[in-house]
Amino acid sequence: MRIVTGKHVREMTAADLAAWRTRYPETTLDLGAGDGRFVRRLALRGPDQGVIGVDLCAASLSSAARNPPDNALLVVADALALPDDLSNVATTITITCPWGSLLRELL
């Protein structure tokens, strides 16, 4: 699974994700995260929960990835074809202002 950290995109293994998840009893998955501001806000508001933002555009996520809270991950992936590593991860799913193919699929 590809995640954005700062200006770089790196691979996160399933084992790394599993270790990250053990720290948080609840995880929010935000589909179509855009610039990641909502993900950052959720993570700062609830430091005891994990927050994962998913967007296809790494460049959009890079501003929020400069100094993300420890409980936030920014994943580069298609929200309509999530990586297998994200199966059964979320206790909550959010979608804010969907557009394009995500909006079409939701409708």
PDB file of N, CA and C in Angstrom:
ATOM      1  N   MET A   1       0.850  -1.161   0.000  1.00  0.00           N
ATOM      2  CA  MET A   1       0.000   0.000   0.000  1.00  0.00           C
ATOM      3  C   MET A   1       0.900   1.229   0.000  1.00  0.00           C
ATOM      4  N   ARG A   2       0.547   2.206  -0.821  1.00  0.00           N
ATOM      5  CA  ARG A   2       1.365   3.412  -0.947  1.00  0.00           C
ATOM      6  C   ARG A   2       0.816   4.506  -0.029  1.00  0.00           C
ATOM      7  N   ILE A   3       1.706   5.103   0.792  1.00  0.00           N
ATOM      8  CA  ILE A   3       1.302   6.210   1.648  1.00  0.00           C
ATOM      9  C   ILE A   3       2.201   7.413   1.377  1.00  0.00           C
ATOM     10  N   VAL A   4       1.649   8.593   1.655  1.00  0.00           N
ATOM     11  CA  VAL A   4       2.394   9.837   1.463  1.00  0.00           C
ATOM     12  C   VAL A   4       2.937  10.279   2.810  1.00  0.00           C
ATOM     13  N   THR A   5       4.235  10.534   2.846  1.00  0.00           N
ATOM     14  CA  THR A   5       4.878  11.116   4.018  1.00  0.00           C
ATOM     15  C   THR A   5       5.735  12.270   3.521  1.00  0.00           C
ATOM     16  N   GLY A   6       5.353  13.467   3.909  1.00  0.00           N
ATOM     17  CA  GLY A   6       6.041  14.649   3.405  1.00  0.00           C
ATOM     18  C   GLY A   6       5.837  14.773   1.910  1.00  0.00           C
ATOM     19  N   LYS A   7       6.919  14.902   1.181  1.00  0.00           N
ATOM     20  CA  LYS A   7       6.843  15.014  -0.280  1.00  0.00           C
ATOM     21  C   LYS A   7       7.047  13.670  -0.964  1.00  0.00           C
ATOM     22  N   HIS A   8       7.151  12.613  -0.186  1.00  0.00           N
ATOM     23  CA  HIS A   8       7.487  11.306  -0.730  1.00  0.00           C
ATOM     24  C   HIS A   8       6.331  10.315  -0.606  1.00  0.00           C
ATOM     25  N   VAL A   9       6.281   9.407  -1.559  1.00  0.00           N
ATOM     26  CA  VAL A   9       5.344   8.293  -1.504  1.00  0.00           C
ATOM     27  C   VAL A   9       6.170   7.053  -1.216  1.00  0.00           C
ATOM     28  N   ARG A  10       5.761   6.296  -0.211  1.00  0.00           N
ATOM     29  CA  ARG A  10       6.506   5.086   0.147  1.00  0.00           C
ATOM     30  C   ARG A  10       5.535   3.933   0.341  1.00  0.00           C
ATOM     31  N   GLU A  11       6.069   2.749   0.342  1.00  0.00           N
ATOM     32  CA  GLU A  11       5.260   1.550   0.561  1.00  0.00           C
ATOM     33  C   GLU A  11       5.113   1.286   2.054  1.00  0.00           C
ATOM     34  N   MET A  12       3.925   0.907   2.442  1.00  0.00           N
ATOM     35  CA  MET A  12       3.670   0.463   3.807  1.00  0.00           C
ATOM     36  C   MET A  12       3.218  -0.988   3.711  1.00  0.00           C
ATOM     37  N   THR A  13       3.889  -1.859   4.426  1.00  0.00           N
ATOM     38  CA  THR A  13       3.549  -3.272   4.373  1.00  0.00           C
ATOM     39  C   THR A  13       2.298  -3.555   5.198  1.00  0.00           C
ATOM     40  N   ALA A  14       1.711  -4.693   4.963  1.00  0.00           N
ATOM     41  CA  ALA A  14       0.542  -5.118   5.736  1.00  0.00           C
ATOM     42  C   ALA A  14       0.904  -5.244   7.214  1.00  0.00           C
ATOM     43  N   ALA A  15       2.109  -5.697   7.499  1.00  0.00           N
ATOM     44  CA  ALA A  15       2.559  -5.833   8.892  1.00  0.00           C
ATOM     45  C   ALA A  15       2.692  -4.470   9.561  1.00  0.00           C
ATOM     46  N   ASP A  16       3.217  -3.488   8.825  1.00  0.00           N
ATOM     47  CA  ASP A  16       3.333  -2.121   9.363  1.00  0.00           C
ATOM     48  C   ASP A  16       1.954  -1.540   9.655  1.00  0.00           C
ATOM     49  N   LEU A  17       1.000  -1.761   8.735  1.00  0.00           N
ATOM     50  CA  LEU A  17      -0.359  -1.266   8.939  1.00  0.00           C
ATOM     51  C   LEU A  17      -0.993  -1.953  10.140  1.00  0.00           C
ATOM     52  N   ALA A  18      -0.804  -3.251  10.274  1.00  0.00           N
ATOM     53  CA  ALA A  18      -1.360  -3.991  11.413  1.00  0.00           C
ATOM     54  C   ALA A  18      -0.796  -3.464  12.735  1.00  0.00           C
ATOM     55  N   ALA A  19       0.497  -3.173  12.762  1.00  0.00           N
ATOM     56  CA  ALA A  19       1.120  -2.625  13.969  1.00  0.00           C
ATOM     57  C   ALA A  19       0.559  -1.240  14.285  1.00  0.00           C
ATOM     58  N   TRP A  20       0.378  -0.414  13.267  1.00  0.00           N
ATOM     59  CA  TRP A  20      -0.196   0.926  13.448  1.00  0.00           C
ATOM     60  C   TRP A  20      -1.612   0.813  14.005  1.00  0.00           C
ATOM     61  N   ARG A  21      -2.394  -0.106  13.457  1.00  0.00           N
ATOM     62  CA  ARG A  21      -3.796  -0.267  13.870  1.00  0.00           C
ATOM     63  C   ARG A  21      -3.942  -0.718  15.317  1.00  0.00           C
ATOM     64  N   THR A  22      -2.989  -1.462  15.853  1.00  0.00           N
ATOM     65  CA  THR A  22      -3.105  -1.949  17.228  1.00  0.00           C
ATOM     66  C   THR A  22      -3.125  -0.803  18.237  1.00  0.00           C
ATOM     67  N   ARG A  23      -2.648   0.357  17.846  1.00  0.00           N
ATOM     68  CA  ARG A  23      -2.617   1.503  18.759  1.00  0.00           C
ATOM     69  C   ARG A  23      -3.955   2.220  18.870  1.00  0.00           C
ATOM     70  N   TYR A  24      -4.881   1.905  17.956  1.00  0.00           N
ATOM     71  CA  TYR A  24      -6.146   2.644  17.902  1.00  0.00           C
ATOM     72  C   TYR A  24      -7.335   1.684  17.864  1.00  0.00           C
ATOM     73  N   PRO A  25      -8.221   1.763  18.870  1.00  0.00           N
ATOM     74  CA  PRO A  25      -9.371   0.853  18.903  1.00  0.00           C
ATOM     75  C   PRO A  25     -10.393   1.142  17.799  1.00  0.00           C
ATOM     76  N   GLU A  26     -10.411   2.362  17.303  1.00  0.00           N
ATOM     77  CA  GLU A  26     -11.329   2.746  16.227  1.00  0.00           C
ATOM     78  C   GLU A  26     -10.541   3.415  15.113  1.00  0.00           C
ATOM     79  N   THR A  27     -11.006   3.189  13.884  1.00  0.00           N
ATOM     80  CA  THR A  27     -10.337   3.777  12.726  1.00  0.00           C
ATOM     81  C   THR A  27     -11.377   4.340  11.773  1.00  0.00           C
ATOM     82  N   THR A  28     -11.176   5.592  11.379  1.00  0.00           N
ATOM     83  CA  THR A  28     -12.022   6.227  10.373  1.00  0.00           C
ATOM     84  C   THR A  28     -11.306   6.171   9.039  1.00  0.00           C
ATOM     85  N   LEU A  29     -12.032   5.790   8.006  1.00  0.00           N
ATOM     86  CA  LEU A  29     -11.508   5.740   6.645  1.00  0.00           C
ATOM     87  C   LEU A  29     -12.221   6.826   5.854  1.00  0.00           C
ATOM     88  N   ASP A  30     -11.471   7.818   5.388  1.00  0.00           N
ATOM     89  CA  ASP A  30     -12.045   8.917   4.613  1.00  0.00           C
ATOM     90  C   ASP A  30     -11.733   8.688   3.139  1.00  0.00           C
ATOM     91  N   LEU A  31     -12.774   8.432   2.352  1.00  0.00           N
ATOM     92  CA  LEU A  31     -12.603   8.162   0.923  1.00  0.00           C
ATOM     93  C   LEU A  31     -12.699   9.454   0.133  1.00  0.00           C
ATOM     94  N   GLY A  32     -11.783   9.630  -0.818  1.00  0.00           N
ATOM     95  CA  GLY A  32     -11.732  10.864  -1.592  1.00  0.00           C
ATOM     96  C   GLY A  32     -11.231  12.000  -0.724  1.00  0.00           C
ATOM     97  N   ALA A  33     -10.120  11.783  -0.040  1.00  0.00           N
ATOM     98  CA  ALA A  33      -9.624  12.710   0.984  1.00  0.00           C
ATOM     99  C   ALA A  33      -9.147  14.053   0.437  1.00  0.00           C
ATOM    100  N   GLY A  34      -8.934  14.150  -0.864  1.00  0.00           N
ATOM    101  CA  GLY A  34      -8.508  15.433  -1.439  1.00  0.00           C
ATOM    102  C   GLY A  34      -7.203  15.906  -0.849  1.00  0.00           C
ATOM    103  N   ASP A  35      -7.207  17.103  -0.265  1.00  0.00           N
ATOM    104  CA  ASP A  35      -5.966  17.665   0.281  1.00  0.00           C
ATOM    105  C   ASP A  35      -5.647  17.150   1.684  1.00  0.00           C
ATOM    106  N   GLY A  36      -6.515  16.320   2.254  1.00  0.00           N
ATOM    107  CA  GLY A  36      -6.236  15.699   3.539  1.00  0.00           C
ATOM    108  C   GLY A  36      -6.519  16.561   4.761  1.00  0.00           C
ATOM    109  N   ARG A  37      -7.040  17.772   4.568  1.00  0.00           N
ATOM    110  CA  ARG A  37      -7.301  18.649   5.719  1.00  0.00           C
ATOM    111  C   ARG A  37      -8.320  18.044   6.686  1.00  0.00           C
ATOM    112  N   PHE A  38      -9.368  17.417   6.132  1.00  0.00           N
ATOM    113  CA  PHE A  38     -10.377  16.801   6.991  1.00  0.00           C
ATOM    114  C   PHE A  38      -9.772  15.649   7.800  1.00  0.00           C
ATOM    115  N   VAL A  39      -8.923  14.869   7.164  1.00  0.00           N
ATOM    116  CA  VAL A  39      -8.240  13.757   7.843  1.00  0.00           C
ATOM    117  C   VAL A  39      -7.392  14.301   8.982  1.00  0.00           C
ATOM    118  N   ARG A  40      -6.650  15.336   8.701  1.00  0.00           N
ATOM    119  CA  ARG A  40      -5.789  15.962   9.720  1.00  0.00           C
ATOM    120  C   ARG A  40      -6.621  16.475  10.887  1.00  0.00           C
ATOM    121  N   ARG A  41      -7.729  17.147  10.572  1.00  0.00           N
ATOM    122  CA  ARG A  41      -8.604  17.697  11.606  1.00  0.00           C
ATOM    123  C   ARG A  41      -9.176  16.583  12.493  1.00  0.00           C
ATOM    124  N   LEU A  42      -9.661  15.510  11.853  1.00  0.00           N
ATOM    125  CA  LEU A  42     -10.189  14.378  12.620  1.00  0.00           C
ATOM    126  C   LEU A  42      -9.121  13.770  13.523  1.00  0.00           C
ATOM    127  N   ALA A  43      -7.930  13.614  12.982  1.00  0.00           N
ATOM    128  CA  ALA A  43      -6.839  13.007  13.742  1.00  0.00           C
ATOM    129  C   ALA A  43      -6.448  13.872  14.938  1.00  0.00           C
ATOM    130  N   LEU A  44      -6.399  15.177  14.748  1.00  0.00           N
ATOM    131  CA  LEU A  44      -6.047  16.071  15.852  1.00  0.00           C
ATOM    132  C   LEU A  44      -7.160  16.124  16.900  1.00  0.00           C
ATOM    133  N   ARG A  45      -8.399  16.044  16.455  1.00  0.00           N
ATOM    134  CA  ARG A  45      -9.543  16.103  17.362  1.00  0.00           C
ATOM    135  C   ARG A  45      -9.685  14.819  18.191  1.00  0.00           C
ATOM    136  N   GLY A  46      -9.273  13.692  17.623  1.00  0.00           N
ATOM    137  CA  GLY A  46      -9.398  12.402  18.313  1.00  0.00           C
ATOM    138  C   GLY A  46      -8.103  11.628  18.295  1.00  0.00           C
ATOM    139  N   PRO A  47      -7.129  12.005  19.110  1.00  0.00           N
ATOM    140  CA  PRO A  47      -5.821  11.340  19.063  1.00  0.00           C
ATOM    141  C   PRO A  47      -5.850   9.865  19.466  1.00  0.00           C
ATOM    142  N   ASP A  48      -6.974   9.408  20.019  1.00  0.00           N
ATOM    143  CA  ASP A  48      -7.083   8.008  20.407  1.00  0.00           C
ATOM    144  C   ASP A  48      -7.681   7.143  19.301  1.00  0.00           C
ATOM    145  N   GLN A  49      -7.972   7.741  18.137  1.00  0.00           N
ATOM    146  CA  GLN A  49      -8.496   6.974  17.009  1.00  0.00           C
ATOM    147  C   GLN A  49      -7.549   7.110  15.810  1.00  0.00           C
ATOM    148  N   GLY A  50      -7.525   6.081  14.974  1.00  0.00           N
ATOM    149  CA  GLY A  50      -6.751   6.137  13.742  1.00  0.00           C
ATOM    150  C   GLY A  50      -7.600   6.755  12.648  1.00  0.00           C
ATOM    151  N   VAL A  51      -6.961   7.502  11.775  1.00  0.00           N
ATOM    152  CA  VAL A  51      -7.661   8.119  10.653  1.00  0.00           C
ATOM    153  C   VAL A  51      -6.843   7.864   9.392  1.00  0.00           C
ATOM    154  N   ILE A  52      -7.501   7.285   8.387  1.00  0.00           N
ATOM    155  CA  ILE A  52      -6.838   6.976   7.125  1.00  0.00           C
ATOM    156  C   ILE A  52      -7.563   7.717   6.016  1.00  0.00           C
ATOM    157  N   GLY A  53      -6.842   8.565   5.310  1.00  0.00           N
ATOM    158  CA  GLY A  53      -7.387   9.266   4.158  1.00  0.00           C
ATOM    159  C   GLY A  53      -6.930   8.575   2.887  1.00  0.00           C
ATOM    160  N   VAL A  54      -7.854   8.394   1.948  1.00  0.00           N
ATOM    161  CA  VAL A  54      -7.541   7.718   0.686  1.00  0.00           C
ATOM    162  C   VAL A  54      -7.868   8.664  -0.461  1.00  0.00           C
ATOM    163  N   ASP A  55      -6.889   8.895  -1.317  1.00  0.00           N
ATOM    164  CA  ASP A  55      -7.117   9.682  -2.517  1.00  0.00           C
ATOM    165  C   ASP A  55      -6.176   9.186  -3.600  1.00  0.00           C
ATOM    166  N   LEU A  56      -6.602   9.318  -4.836  1.00  0.00           N
ATOM    167  CA  LEU A  56      -5.814   8.838  -5.966  1.00  0.00           C
ATOM    168  C   LEU A  56      -4.652   9.762  -6.302  1.00  0.00           C
ATOM    169  N   CYS A  57      -4.741  11.023  -5.879  1.00  0.00           N
ATOM    170  CA  CYS A  57      -3.734  12.019  -6.239  1.00  0.00           C
ATOM    171  C   CYS A  57      -2.763  12.277  -5.085  1.00  0.00           C
ATOM    172  N   ALA A  58      -1.548  11.780  -5.209  1.00  0.00           N
ATOM    173  CA  ALA A  58      -0.533  11.967  -4.172  1.00  0.00           C
ATOM    174  C   ALA A  58      -0.193  13.436  -3.981  1.00  0.00           C
ATOM    175  N   ALA A  59      -0.199  14.211  -5.061  1.00  0.00           N
ATOM    176  CA  ALA A  59       0.133  15.635  -4.961  1.00  0.00           C
ATOM    177  C   ALA A  59      -0.872  16.369  -4.083  1.00  0.00           C
ATOM    178  N   SER A  60      -2.142  15.996  -4.170  1.00  0.00           N
ATOM    179  CA  SER A  60      -3.163  16.629  -3.328  1.00  0.00           C
ATOM    180  C   SER A  60      -2.920  16.355  -1.854  1.00  0.00           C
ATOM    181  N   LEU A  61      -2.509  15.145  -1.552  1.00  0.00           N
ATOM    182  CA  LEU A  61      -2.302  14.744  -0.159  1.00  0.00           C
ATOM    183  C   LEU A  61      -1.012  15.282   0.437  1.00  0.00           C
ATOM    184  N   SER A  62      -0.086  15.738  -0.385  1.00  0.00           N
ATOM    185  CA  SER A  62       1.248  16.081   0.106  1.00  0.00           C
ATOM    186  C   SER A  62       1.262  17.230   1.109  1.00  0.00           C
ATOM    187  N   SER A  63       0.359  18.199   1.006  1.00  0.00           N
ATOM    188  CA  SER A  63       0.385  19.305   1.970  1.00  0.00           C
ATOM    189  C   SER A  63       0.006  18.817   3.367  1.00  0.00           C
ATOM    190  N   ALA A  64      -0.978  17.938   3.476  1.00  0.00           N
ATOM    191  CA  ALA A  64      -1.369  17.401   4.782  1.00  0.00           C
ATOM    192  C   ALA A  64      -0.332  16.417   5.305  1.00  0.00           C
ATOM    193  N   ALA A  65       0.486  15.868   4.411  1.00  0.00           N
ATOM    194  CA  ALA A  65       1.469  14.856   4.798  1.00  0.00           C
ATOM    195  C   ALA A  65       2.776  15.451   5.285  1.00  0.00           C
ATOM    196  N   ARG A  66       2.897  16.774   5.256  1.00  0.00           N
ATOM    197  CA  ARG A  66       4.170  17.390   5.669  1.00  0.00           C
ATOM    198  C   ARG A  66       4.483  17.122   7.133  1.00  0.00           C
ATOM    199  N   ASN A  67       3.487  17.229   7.989  1.00  0.00           N
ATOM    200  CA  ASN A  67       3.683  17.003   9.412  1.00  0.00           C
ATOM    201  C   ASN A  67       2.415  16.366   9.987  1.00  0.00           C
ATOM    202  N   PRO A  68       2.099  15.147   9.551  1.00  0.00           N
ATOM    203  CA  PRO A  68       0.831  14.540   9.974  1.00  0.00           C
ATOM    204  C   PRO A  68       0.881  14.066  11.429  1.00  0.00           C
ATOM    205  N   PRO A  69      -0.263  14.066  12.091  1.00  0.00           N
ATOM    206  CA  PRO A  69      -0.307  13.465  13.427  1.00  0.00           C
ATOM    207  C   PRO A  69       0.024  11.972  13.319  1.00  0.00           C
ATOM    208  N   ASP A  70       0.511  11.384  14.397  1.00  0.00           N
ATOM    209  CA  ASP A  70       0.876   9.958  14.391  1.00  0.00           C
ATOM    210  C   ASP A  70      -0.300   9.052  14.065  1.00  0.00           C
ATOM    211  N   ASN A  71      -1.513   9.516  14.372  1.00  0.00           N
ATOM    212  CA  ASN A  71      -2.696   8.676  14.171  1.00  0.00           C
ATOM    213  C   ASN A  71      -3.342   8.873  12.810  1.00  0.00           C
ATOM    214  N   ALA A  72      -2.640   9.529  11.887  1.00  0.00           N
ATOM    215  CA  ALA A  72      -3.172   9.754  10.536  1.00  0.00           C
ATOM    216  C   ALA A  72      -2.275   9.100   9.488  1.00  0.00           C
ATOM    217  N   LEU A  73      -2.920   8.445   8.520  1.00  0.00           N
ATOM    218  CA  LEU A  73      -2.221   7.899   7.359  1.00  0.00           C
ATOM    219  C   LEU A  73      -2.881   8.456   6.117  1.00  0.00           C
ATOM    220  N   LEU A  74      -2.086   8.794   5.126  1.00  0.00           N
ATOM    221  CA  LEU A  74      -2.594   9.290   3.856  1.00  0.00           C
ATOM    222  C   LEU A  74      -2.194   8.299   2.773  1.00  0.00           C
ATOM    223  N   VAL A  75      -3.189   7.613   2.240  1.00  0.00           N
ATOM    224  CA  VAL A  75      -2.971   6.511   1.311  1.00  0.00           C
ATOM    225  C   VAL A  75      -3.283   6.943  -0.111  1.00  0.00           C
ATOM    226  N   VAL A  76      -2.380   6.622  -1.027  1.00  0.00           N
ATOM    227  CA  VAL A  76      -2.597   6.886  -2.443  1.00  0.00           C
ATOM    228  C   VAL A  76      -3.225   5.632  -3.045  1.00  0.00           C
ATOM    229  N   ALA A  77      -4.519   5.745  -3.340  1.00  0.00           N
ATOM    230  CA  ALA A  77      -5.244   4.599  -3.899  1.00  0.00           C
ATOM    231  C   ALA A  77      -6.568   5.083  -4.467  1.00  0.00           C
ATOM    232  N   ASP A  78      -7.134   4.257  -5.312  1.00  0.00           N
ATOM    233  CA  ASP A  78      -8.449   4.529  -5.878  1.00  0.00           C
ATOM    234  C   ASP A  78      -9.497   4.127  -4.842  1.00  0.00           C
ATOM    235  N   ALA A  79     -10.341   5.060  -4.440  1.00  0.00           N
ATOM    236  CA  ALA A  79     -11.376   4.773  -3.440  1.00  0.00           C
ATOM    237  C   ALA A  79     -12.363   3.726  -3.932  1.00  0.00           C
ATOM    238  N   LEU A  80     -12.430   3.533  -5.243  1.00  0.00           N
ATOM    239  CA  LEU A  80     -13.348   2.546  -5.814  1.00  0.00           C
ATOM    240  C   LEU A  80     -12.711   1.167  -5.934  1.00  0.00           C
ATOM    241  N   ALA A  81     -11.424   1.075  -5.684  1.00  0.00           N
ATOM    242  CA  ALA A  81     -10.700  -0.203  -5.735  1.00  0.00           C
ATOM    243  C   ALA A  81      -9.627  -0.176  -4.646  1.00  0.00           C
ATOM    244  N   LEU A  82     -10.076  -0.224  -3.403  1.00  0.00           N
ATOM    245  CA  LEU A  82      -9.168  -0.097  -2.264  1.00  0.00           C
ATOM    246  C   LEU A  82      -8.173  -1.247  -2.198  1.00  0.00           C
ATOM    247  N   PRO A  83      -6.977  -0.963  -1.702  1.00  0.00           N
ATOM    248  CA  PRO A  83      -5.994  -2.033  -1.498  1.00  0.00           C
ATOM    249  C   PRO A  83      -6.553  -3.068  -0.514  1.00  0.00           C
ATOM    250  N   ASP A  84      -6.202  -4.319  -0.716  1.00  0.00           N
ATOM    251  CA  ASP A  84      -6.662  -5.389   0.166  1.00  0.00           C
ATOM    252  C   ASP A  84      -6.297  -5.128   1.625  1.00  0.00           C
ATOM    253  N   ASP A  85      -5.176  -4.443   1.856  1.00  0.00           N
ATOM    254  CA  ASP A  85      -4.739  -4.146   3.227  1.00  0.00           C
ATOM    255  C   ASP A  85      -5.775  -3.331   4.000  1.00  0.00           C
ATOM    256  N   LEU A  86      -6.639  -2.610   3.293  1.00  0.00           N
ATOM    257  CA  LEU A  86      -7.644  -1.774   3.958  1.00  0.00           C
ATOM    258  C   LEU A  86      -8.969  -2.497   4.195  1.00  0.00           C
ATOM    259  N   SER A  87      -9.033  -3.769   3.835  1.00  0.00           N
ATOM    260  CA  SER A  87     -10.245  -4.547   4.094  1.00  0.00           C
ATOM    261  C   SER A  87     -10.449  -4.707   5.592  1.00  0.00           C
ATOM    262  N   ASN A  88     -11.652  -4.492   6.036  1.00  0.00           N
ATOM    263  CA  ASN A  88     -12.026  -4.667   7.449  1.00  0.00           C
ATOM    264  C   ASN A  88     -11.206  -3.820   8.405  1.00  0.00           C
ATOM    265  N   VAL A  89     -10.775  -2.654   7.969  1.00  0.00           N
ATOM    266  CA  VAL A  89      -9.977  -1.766   8.809  1.00  0.00           C
ATOM    267  C   VAL A  89     -10.856  -0.749   9.532  1.00  0.00           C
ATOM    268  N   ALA A  90     -11.852  -0.229   8.851  1.00  0.00           N
ATOM    269  CA  ALA A  90     -12.600   0.927   9.350  1.00  0.00           C
ATOM    270  C   ALA A  90     -13.744   0.559  10.279  1.00  0.00           C
ATOM    271  N   THR A  91     -13.869   1.358  11.332  1.00  0.00           N
ATOM    272  CA  THR A  91     -15.075   1.312  12.148  1.00  0.00           C
ATOM    273  C   THR A  91     -16.053   2.393  11.686  1.00  0.00           C
ATOM    274  N   THR A  92     -15.521   3.398  10.974  1.00  0.00           N
ATOM    275  CA  THR A  92     -16.325   4.490  10.416  1.00  0.00           C
ATOM    276  C   THR A  92     -15.779   4.835   9.038  1.00  0.00           C
ATOM    277  N   ILE A  93     -16.679   5.129   8.106  1.00  0.00           N
ATOM    278  CA  ILE A  93     -16.278   5.580   6.771  1.00  0.00           C
ATOM    279  C   ILE A  93     -16.889   6.947   6.534  1.00  0.00           C
ATOM    280  N   THR A  94     -16.073   7.879   6.052  1.00  0.00           N
ATOM    281  CA  THR A  94     -16.569   9.211   5.702  1.00  0.00           C
ATOM    282  C   THR A  94     -16.276   9.495   4.241  1.00  0.00           C
ATOM    283  N   ILE A  95     -17.171  10.238   3.631  1.00  0.00           N
ATOM    284  CA  ILE A  95     -16.981  10.711   2.259  1.00  0.00           C
ATOM    285  C   ILE A  95     -17.495  12.144   2.239  1.00  0.00           C
ATOM    286  N   THR A  96     -16.594  13.086   2.028  1.00  0.00           N
ATOM    287  CA  THR A  96     -16.956  14.495   2.049  1.00  0.00           C
ATOM    288  C   THR A  96     -16.860  15.063   0.637  1.00  0.00           C
ATOM    289  N   CYS A  97     -17.947  15.629   0.163  1.00  0.00           N
ATOM    290  CA  CYS A  97     -17.973  16.276  -1.158  1.00  0.00           C
ATOM    291  C   CYS A  97     -17.423  15.391  -2.272  1.00  0.00           C
ATOM    292  N   PRO A  98     -18.009  14.219  -2.471  1.00  0.00           N
ATOM    293  CA  PRO A  98     -17.513  13.364  -3.563  1.00  0.00           C
ATOM    294  C   PRO A  98     -17.806  13.994  -4.917  1.00  0.00           C
ATOM    295  N   TRP A  99     -16.950  13.723  -5.880  1.00  0.00           N
ATOM    296  CA  TRP A  99     -17.174  14.195  -7.248  1.00  0.00           C
ATOM    297  C   TRP A  99     -16.556  13.197  -8.199  1.00  0.00           C
ATOM    298  N   GLY A 100     -16.811  13.371  -9.458  1.00  0.00           N
ATOM    299  CA  GLY A 100     -16.242  12.487 -10.481  1.00  0.00           C
ATOM    300  C   GLY A 100     -16.748  11.070 -10.338  1.00  0.00           C
ATOM    301  N   SER A 101     -15.850  10.118 -10.543  1.00  0.00           N
ATOM    302  CA  SER A 101     -16.229   8.701 -10.537  1.00  0.00           C
ATOM    303  C   SER A 101     -16.729   8.252  -9.159  1.00  0.00           C
ATOM    304  N   LEU A 102     -16.206   8.810  -8.078  1.00  0.00           N
ATOM    305  CA  LEU A 102     -16.676   8.434  -6.744  1.00  0.00           C
ATOM    306  C   LEU A 102     -18.133   8.837  -6.562  1.00  0.00           C
ATOM    307  N   LEU A 103     -18.493  10.023  -7.003  1.00  0.00           N
ATOM    308  CA  LEU A 103     -19.888  10.468  -6.921  1.00  0.00           C
ATOM    309  C   LEU A 103     -20.786   9.570  -7.763  1.00  0.00           C
ATOM    310  N   ARG A 104     -20.345   9.256  -8.976  1.00  0.00           N
ATOM    311  CA  ARG A 104     -21.158   8.384  -9.850  1.00  0.00           C
ATOM    312  C   ARG A 104     -21.392   7.024  -9.198  1.00  0.00           C
ATOM    313  N   GLU A 105     -20.380   6.442  -8.612  1.00  0.00           N
ATOM    314  CA  GLU A 105     -20.516   5.131  -7.988  1.00  0.00           C
ATOM    315  C   GLU A 105     -21.404   5.181  -6.742  1.00  0.00           C
ATOM    316  N   LEU A 106     -21.308   6.268  -5.989  1.00  0.00           N
ATOM    317  CA  LEU A 106     -22.171   6.404  -4.807  1.00  0.00           C
ATOM    318  C   LEU A 106     -23.636   6.508  -5.198  1.00  0.00           C
ATOM    319  N   LEU A 107     -23.883   7.233  -6.274  1.00  0.00           N
ATOM    320  CA  LEU A 107     -25.267   7.403  -6.724  1.00  0.00           C
ATOM    321  C   LEU A 107     -25.783   6.133  -7.338  1.00  0.00           C
TER     322      LEU A 107
END
